[in-house]
Protein backbone atom coordinates (compact mmCIF):
# COMPACT_ATOMS: atom_id res chain seq x y z
CA MET A 1 34.88 56.11 152.67
CA LEU A 2 37.50 58.35 151.03
CA HIS A 3 40.73 56.60 150.32
CA PHE A 4 42.78 59.73 150.04
CA SER A 5 43.35 62.87 152.02
CA GLU A 6 41.84 66.32 151.33
CA GLU A 7 45.34 67.52 150.39
CA GLU A 8 45.67 64.74 147.80
CA PHE A 9 42.32 65.60 146.23
CA ALA A 10 43.25 69.27 146.24
CA ASN A 11 46.47 68.55 144.38
CA ARG A 12 44.58 66.62 141.72
CA MET A 13 41.99 69.34 141.27
CA SER A 14 44.82 71.93 140.95
CA LYS A 15 46.50 69.91 138.20
CA THR A 16 43.19 69.55 136.41
CA MET A 17 42.48 73.26 136.55
CA GLN A 18 45.92 74.07 135.21
CA ALA A 19 45.41 71.64 132.29
CA MET A 20 42.04 73.19 131.62
CA GLN A 21 43.53 76.70 131.64
CA ALA A 22 46.26 75.56 129.17
CA ARG A 23 43.46 74.49 126.75
CA ASN A 24 41.33 77.59 127.46
CA LEU A 25 38.46 75.43 128.77
CA ASP A 26 35.78 76.92 131.01
CA ALA A 27 34.71 73.55 132.31
CA MET A 28 35.09 69.78 131.81
CA LEU A 29 32.22 67.34 131.36
CA LEU A 30 33.56 64.19 132.91
CA PHE A 31 31.92 60.95 131.93
CA ALA A 32 34.75 58.49 132.74
CA GLN A 33 34.19 56.91 136.14
CA GLU A 34 37.93 56.78 136.58
CA SER A 35 38.13 60.56 136.33
CA MET A 36 35.31 61.04 138.84
CA TYR A 37 36.97 58.66 141.33
CA TRP A 38 40.41 60.20 140.91
CA LEU A 39 39.09 63.78 141.44
CA THR A 40 36.48 63.18 144.11
CA GLY A 41 36.55 59.61 145.39
CA TYR A 42 33.08 58.92 143.85
CA ASP A 43 32.93 55.11 143.56
CA THR A 44 30.10 53.38 141.66
CA PHE A 45 29.17 51.31 138.69
CA GLY A 46 26.32 53.74 137.99
CA TYR A 47 28.20 54.98 134.91
CA CYS A 48 26.30 52.34 132.98
CA PHE A 49 23.57 55.13 132.97
CA PHE A 50 23.89 58.76 132.09
CA GLN A 51 25.88 60.66 134.64
CA CYS A 52 28.27 63.54 134.44
CA LEU A 53 30.67 65.35 136.77
CA VAL A 54 31.05 69.02 135.78
CA VAL A 55 34.29 70.68 136.90
CA THR A 56 34.62 74.38 136.29
CA LYS A 57 37.82 76.31 135.71
CA ASP A 58 37.50 77.85 139.17
CA GLY A 59 37.21 74.43 140.85
CA GLN A 60 33.42 74.06 141.31
CA LYS A 61 32.12 70.47 141.11
CA ALA A 62 28.61 69.32 140.39
CA LEU A 63 27.45 65.73 139.75
CA LEU A 64 24.37 64.88 137.67
CA THR A 65 23.28 61.30 138.30
CA ARG A 66 20.28 59.15 139.12
CA SER A 67 18.57 58.71 142.48
CA ALA A 68 20.13 55.26 142.96
CA ASP A 69 23.54 56.96 143.15
CA LEU A 70 22.69 59.85 145.43
CA ARG A 71 23.80 58.06 148.61
CA GLN A 72 26.75 56.47 146.75
CA ALA A 73 28.01 59.98 146.02
CA ARG A 74 27.31 61.14 149.56
CA HIS A 75 29.15 58.20 151.12
CA THR A 76 32.12 57.82 148.78
CA SER A 77 33.00 61.27 147.47
CA ASN A 78 33.66 64.88 148.50
CA ILE A 79 31.00 66.16 146.03
CA GLU A 80 28.52 68.51 147.73
CA ASN A 81 26.45 69.51 144.72
CA VAL A 82 24.57 66.39 143.54
CA VAL A 83 21.72 66.86 141.12
CA ILE A 84 19.31 64.06 140.27
CA TRP A 85 17.71 63.49 136.89
CA THR A 86 14.46 61.52 137.04
CA ASP A 87 13.81 58.25 135.25
CA SER A 88 10.75 58.41 133.12
CA GLY A 89 9.53 57.38 129.72
CA HIS A 90 10.32 60.85 128.34
CA ALA A 91 13.58 61.46 130.29
CA ASN A 92 16.48 63.14 128.48
CA PRO A 93 19.28 63.69 131.02
CA ALA A 94 21.20 65.79 128.52
CA VAL A 95 18.53 68.46 129.03
CA ASP A 96 19.05 68.18 132.82
CA LEU A 97 22.70 68.62 132.23
CA ARG A 98 22.12 71.72 130.13
CA ASP A 99 19.96 73.13 132.89
CA LEU A 100 22.76 72.41 135.40
CA LEU A 101 25.31 74.08 133.17
CA GLY A 102 23.07 77.10 132.93
CA ASP A 103 22.88 77.31 136.68
CA LEU A 104 26.68 77.23 136.79
CA GLY A 105 26.84 80.17 134.43
CA LEU A 106 28.30 78.17 131.51
CA LEU A 107 26.03 79.44 128.71
CA GLY A 108 28.32 80.16 125.69
CA ALA A 109 31.29 78.47 127.48
CA ARG A 110 34.04 76.37 125.95
CA LEU A 111 33.49 72.84 127.40
CA GLY A 112 35.81 69.89 127.28
CA VAL A 113 34.11 66.52 126.99
CA GLU A 114 35.33 63.03 127.84
CA TYR A 115 34.08 61.22 124.83
CA ASP A 116 36.50 58.30 124.92
CA THR A 117 34.95 56.34 127.74
CA HIS A 118 32.47 53.58 128.30
CA GLY A 119 30.63 56.06 130.60
CA LEU A 120 29.37 57.91 127.56
CA THR A 121 27.59 55.73 125.00
CA ALA A 122 27.20 56.81 121.37
CA HIS A 123 23.46 57.21 122.07
CA ASN A 124 24.05 59.54 124.94
CA GLY A 125 26.83 61.36 123.15
CA LYS A 126 24.43 62.20 120.33
CA ARG A 127 21.89 63.49 122.82
CA LEU A 128 24.59 65.54 124.53
CA GLU A 129 25.65 67.15 121.33
CA ASP A 130 22.08 67.76 120.04
CA THR A 131 21.15 69.38 123.33
CA LEU A 132 24.19 71.59 123.76
CA ARG A 133 24.69 72.49 120.10
CA THR A 134 23.53 76.08 120.57
CA PHE A 135 24.35 76.30 124.29
CA ALA A 136 28.13 75.99 124.32
CA ASP A 137 31.21 74.99 122.29
CA LEU A 138 32.25 71.41 122.83
CA GLU A 139 35.82 70.13 122.50
CA ASP A 140 37.08 66.55 122.79
CA ALA A 141 39.25 66.55 125.89
CA SER A 142 39.13 62.84 126.60
CA ASP A 143 42.86 62.81 127.38
CA LEU A 144 43.04 65.68 129.88
CA VAL A 145 42.36 63.83 133.19
CA HIS A 146 43.48 60.53 131.85
CA THR A 147 46.97 61.87 131.11
CA LEU A 148 47.16 63.33 134.57
CA ARG A 149 46.31 59.96 136.11
CA VAL A 150 49.18 58.12 134.40
CA VAL A 151 51.80 59.43 136.86
CA LYS A 152 51.07 58.21 140.32
CA SER A 153 51.41 60.06 143.66
CA ASP A 154 53.00 58.52 146.71
CA ASP A 155 49.51 57.89 148.19
CA GLU A 156 48.48 56.08 145.01
CA ILE A 157 51.58 54.01 145.00
CA ALA A 158 50.81 52.83 148.54
CA HIS A 159 47.54 51.36 147.28
CA ILE A 160 49.24 49.92 144.21
CA LYS A 161 51.73 48.03 146.40
CA LYS A 162 48.90 46.46 148.32
CA ALA A 163 47.30 45.44 144.96
CA ALA A 164 50.60 43.83 144.03
CA LYS A 165 50.50 41.68 147.21
CA TRP A 166 46.99 40.49 146.35
CA ALA A 167 48.19 39.66 142.84
CA ASP A 168 51.01 37.56 144.30
CA ALA A 169 48.50 35.88 146.66
CA ALA A 170 46.35 34.95 143.67
CA LEU A 171 49.36 33.36 141.90
CA ASP A 172 50.20 31.41 145.05
CA ALA A 173 46.61 30.10 145.14
CA ALA A 174 46.70 29.16 141.52
CA ILE A 175 49.98 27.19 141.90
CA LYS A 176 48.58 25.40 144.95
CA HIS A 177 45.49 24.23 143.13
CA THR A 178 46.93 23.46 139.65
CA LYS A 179 47.51 19.82 138.91
CA ALA A 180 46.31 17.08 136.65
CA GLY A 181 42.55 16.59 137.21
CA ALA A 182 42.02 19.98 138.76
CA ASP A 183 39.00 21.97 137.66
CA GLU A 184 39.50 25.42 136.21
CA GLY A 185 36.64 26.70 138.28
CA LYS A 186 38.38 25.74 141.50
CA ILE A 187 41.53 27.49 140.37
CA LEU A 188 39.62 30.64 139.44
CA ALA A 189 37.74 30.64 142.70
CA ALA A 190 40.91 30.27 144.63
CA MET A 191 42.57 33.15 142.81
CA GLN A 192 39.72 35.64 143.12
CA GLY A 193 39.17 34.57 146.72
CA ALA A 194 42.72 35.30 147.58
CA VAL A 195 42.30 38.92 146.43
CA LEU A 196 38.89 39.48 148.12
CA GLU A 197 39.79 37.84 151.42
CA ASN A 198 42.75 40.16 151.77
CA GLY A 199 40.56 43.27 151.42
CA GLY A 200 41.03 43.66 147.67
CA ASP A 201 38.40 44.58 145.02
CA TYR A 202 36.86 42.94 142.08
CA PRO A 203 39.03 43.68 139.04
CA GLY A 204 37.97 45.76 136.09
CA ASN A 205 37.48 42.66 133.99
CA PRO A 206 37.19 38.94 134.73
CA PHE A 207 40.32 36.93 135.39
CA ILE A 208 41.42 35.08 132.21
CA ILE A 209 41.78 31.33 132.46
CA GLY A 210 42.21 28.82 129.77
CA SER A 211 43.78 25.36 129.45
CA GLY A 212 44.56 23.01 126.52
CA ALA A 213 43.75 24.66 123.27
CA ASP A 214 42.05 27.47 125.17
CA ALA A 215 45.34 28.41 126.75
CA LEU A 216 45.88 30.37 123.49
CA LEU A 217 43.02 32.82 124.28
CA CYS A 218 43.62 36.29 125.55
CA ARG A 219 40.11 36.89 126.90
CA TYR A 220 37.77 35.35 129.48
CA LYS A 221 35.09 33.00 128.16
CA SER A 222 32.37 30.94 129.70
CA GLY A 223 32.95 27.21 130.25
CA ARG A 224 35.32 25.13 132.39
CA ARG A 225 37.39 21.98 131.89
CA GLN A 226 39.56 19.79 134.03
CA LEU A 227 43.31 19.76 133.51
CA SER A 228 44.80 16.70 131.85
CA LYS A 229 48.04 14.82 132.76
CA ASN A 230 50.03 16.88 130.30
CA ASP A 231 48.51 20.33 129.86
CA GLN A 232 49.00 24.05 129.78
CA LEU A 233 47.15 26.76 131.70
CA THR A 234 47.23 30.41 130.80
CA LEU A 235 46.19 32.86 133.51
CA GLU A 236 45.95 36.63 133.41
CA TRP A 237 44.65 38.32 136.56
CA ALA A 238 45.03 41.44 138.65
CA GLY A 239 45.18 42.33 142.31
CA ALA A 240 43.04 45.38 142.97
CA HIS A 241 42.99 47.68 145.99
CA ALA A 242 41.01 50.90 146.21
CA GLN A 243 40.31 50.35 142.52
CA TYR A 244 44.05 50.34 141.60
CA HIS A 245 45.21 47.34 139.60
CA VAL A 246 48.39 45.31 139.36
CA ALA A 247 48.18 42.67 136.65
CA MET A 248 50.21 39.51 136.05
CA MET A 249 50.23 36.84 133.45
CA ARG A 250 51.57 33.27 133.32
CA THR A 251 51.33 30.07 131.36
CA LEU A 252 51.76 27.11 133.81
CA VAL A 253 52.74 23.74 132.41
CA ILE A 254 51.18 20.59 133.89
CA GLY A 255 53.17 17.32 133.47
CA LYS A 256 55.85 17.11 130.82
CA PRO A 257 56.56 20.34 128.87
CA LYS A 258 56.71 20.28 125.11
CA PRO A 259 59.93 21.47 123.49
CA GLU A 260 57.95 24.47 122.25
CA HIS A 261 57.08 25.39 125.82
CA GLU A 262 60.77 25.63 126.81
CA GLN A 263 61.73 27.47 123.58
CA PHE A 264 58.91 29.94 123.88
CA PHE A 265 59.63 30.56 127.58
CA GLU A 266 63.23 31.53 126.90
CA ALA A 267 62.14 33.93 124.16
CA ALA A 268 59.35 35.43 126.37
CA HIS A 269 61.77 35.81 129.27
CA ASP A 270 64.35 37.54 127.05
CA ALA A 271 61.71 39.84 125.63
CA LEU A 272 60.43 40.77 129.08
CA GLN A 273 63.96 41.63 130.20
CA ALA A 274 64.44 43.72 127.13
CA VAL A 275 61.25 45.66 127.77
CA GLN A 276 62.15 46.14 131.46
CA ALA A 277 65.56 47.50 130.40
CA ALA A 278 63.88 49.94 128.00
CA MET A 279 61.38 51.08 130.69
CA VAL A 280 63.30 54.17 131.71
CA PRO A 281 62.44 57.90 131.54
CA GLY A 282 63.04 59.39 128.08
CA ASN A 283 62.09 56.31 126.19
CA THR A 284 58.62 56.05 124.54
CA PHE A 285 55.96 53.44 124.85
CA GLY A 286 56.80 52.69 121.19
CA ASP A 287 60.39 51.88 122.29
CA LEU A 288 59.02 49.35 124.80
CA PHE A 289 57.10 47.63 121.99
CA ASP A 290 60.12 47.65 119.73
CA ALA A 291 62.21 45.92 122.43
CA HIS A 292 59.58 43.18 122.67
CA ALA A 293 59.15 42.78 118.89
CA ARG A 294 62.82 42.84 118.15
CA THR A 295 63.56 40.11 120.66
CA LEU A 296 60.69 37.79 119.61
CA ASP A 297 61.30 38.40 115.88
CA THR A 298 64.97 37.53 116.26
CA ALA A 299 63.80 34.29 117.86
CA GLY A 300 61.73 33.55 114.80
CA LEU A 301 58.42 34.08 116.57
CA SER A 302 57.04 37.10 114.69
CA ARG A 303 53.95 35.11 113.57
CA HIS A 304 53.15 34.13 117.14
CA ARG A 305 53.36 37.51 118.93
CA LEU A 306 50.87 40.29 119.27
CA ASN A 307 50.95 43.84 117.99
CA ALA A 308 50.94 45.33 121.51
CA CYS A 309 52.75 44.18 124.59
CA GLY A 310 51.58 46.16 127.61
CA TYR A 311 49.84 49.26 128.97
CA SER A 312 49.62 51.66 131.87
CA LEU A 313 47.64 50.52 134.89
CA GLY A 314 45.80 52.47 137.58
CA THR A 315 42.31 52.90 138.94
CA ARG A 316 39.93 51.38 136.44
CA TYR A 317 36.33 50.17 136.14
CA ALA A 318 34.55 47.49 134.13
CA PRO A 319 34.67 46.43 131.39
CA CYS A 320 38.44 46.46 131.36
CA TRP A 321 41.36 47.04 133.69
CA MET A 322 43.57 48.25 130.77
CA ASP A 323 44.10 51.94 131.49
CA GLY A 324 46.44 53.03 128.69
CA PRO A 325 48.48 54.37 127.02
CA MET A 326 49.44 51.03 125.44
CA PHE A 327 52.78 49.65 124.21
CA TYR A 328 52.53 49.56 120.45
CA ARG A 329 54.52 50.66 117.45
CA ASP A 330 55.22 54.41 117.18
CA ASN A 331 53.43 55.38 120.37
CA ALA A 332 55.30 58.58 121.29
CA PHE A 333 54.01 58.76 124.83
CA LYS A 334 57.11 59.03 127.09
CA VAL A 335 57.95 56.94 130.08
CA GLN A 336 58.13 59.02 133.32
CA PRO A 337 58.90 58.11 136.94
CA ASN A 338 56.04 56.83 139.04
CA MET A 339 54.08 55.15 136.31
CA THR A 340 52.58 51.67 136.82
CA LEU A 341 53.27 49.72 133.73
CA PHE A 342 52.22 46.16 132.84
CA ALA A 343 54.33 44.29 130.31
CA HIS A 344 53.02 41.07 128.81
CA MET A 345 54.94 38.78 126.53
CA ILE A 346 52.36 36.63 124.82
CA ILE A 347 53.37 33.82 122.42
CA MET A 348 50.53 31.79 120.89
CA ASP A 349 51.35 29.14 118.22
CA SER A 350 48.11 27.85 116.77
CA ASP A 351 49.96 25.25 114.64
CA SER A 352 51.34 23.30 117.66
CA GLU A 353 48.65 24.66 120.02
CA THR A 354 51.30 25.95 122.38
CA ALA A 355 51.00 29.02 124.55
CA MET A 356 53.62 30.80 126.65
CA CYS A 357 52.84 34.05 128.43
CA LEU A 358 54.79 36.12 130.94
CA GLY A 359 53.50 39.29 132.44
CA GLN A 360 54.68 41.56 135.21
CA THR A 361 53.78 45.04 136.52
CA TYR A 362 56.46 47.59 137.17
CA LEU A 363 56.79 50.89 138.94
CA THR A 364 58.98 53.23 137.02
CA THR A 365 61.71 55.26 138.74
CA GLU A 366 64.36 57.68 137.67
CA GLY A 367 66.30 54.66 136.49
CA THR A 368 65.63 50.90 136.44
CA PRO A 369 61.91 50.10 137.07
CA MET A 370 60.83 48.31 140.22
CA ASP A 371 59.16 44.89 139.78
CA LEU A 372 56.11 45.04 141.96
CA SER A 373 55.79 41.29 142.34
CA SER A 374 57.68 38.96 144.65
CA HIS A 375 57.23 36.29 142.05
CA LYS A 376 59.96 36.29 139.43
CA PRO A 377 59.08 35.40 135.84
CA GLU A 378 60.07 31.74 136.00
CA PHE A 379 59.17 28.66 134.05
CA VAL A 380 56.58 26.87 136.16
CA VAL A 381 55.99 23.12 135.75
CA LEU A 382 53.54 21.42 138.08
């Protein structure tokens, strides 16, 4: 069930241990499912409960989880030491974690903690700190493994390119089914089906679909409608393979476009090209946002754009496929080769109820980034 070789996992562990050494950490308490997957292959949605992967500075690994995930860990990961905490009315898994840390000789140690993750709720975070207050020194090291994951290996890129194919297949399915009278549910089913039937995964969040006035929404919502004779349909989706994501975004026009559709498309296309041109090593994620903002503001669309225009992608779990860092003003994180970056140009005019969105995922290189999609950012009228 492992998607990567022993050598690949060993390289990741070596980088993690080096990063821990640089921060003088004796161990990491990993609560982000993405970190667990990246380091060991462990693949589950059991992070909705308390679980922790302990990684020591000398490379020992121990997973504390529930009985429901014991076989999940055995089947999908290279973790040998799996410790189970028992569900009960008086259970406090933070105490079980403290006992495990004691067994690993970490009393009085300096421990890095992944706080910034959905895998560690505020409730469990408080229990963790209360239980370990006199046991060890805790340091927020939420960025340690996350930063390592931003630059992709050749093996990761192979999975990412497959995810890109499934994203393209989903757009093909959407275009095939989009027409006046079509039901949004049919379009959504065809898109998700195109990913799954090719061997892809469910994405980290639901595909986004909205037509008419709801084409101006950037999030999934419940409820469907049928497309009218003259309509607009905004879609944001991702192909996913081995939990790696490649996202795309489009606004499709049904029937006769409004003048605003054509105007906004030209601006969005220019902004996307500007961001792509800036997506080279040495520039920052803030520079990417500035390229987007400068282009749309020059086009007189400052009121209709967002305050972020993209983010890094990779392996990601629910509730969101956005992996970060994000493209926003003054973000000093630097572009490096072998990053997977999703750029989305989103224009939403509530006055005229007009939407126009363009989004592509790129693989950065030593120079010009590679567009991972075979679909070019074109104005689509159906």
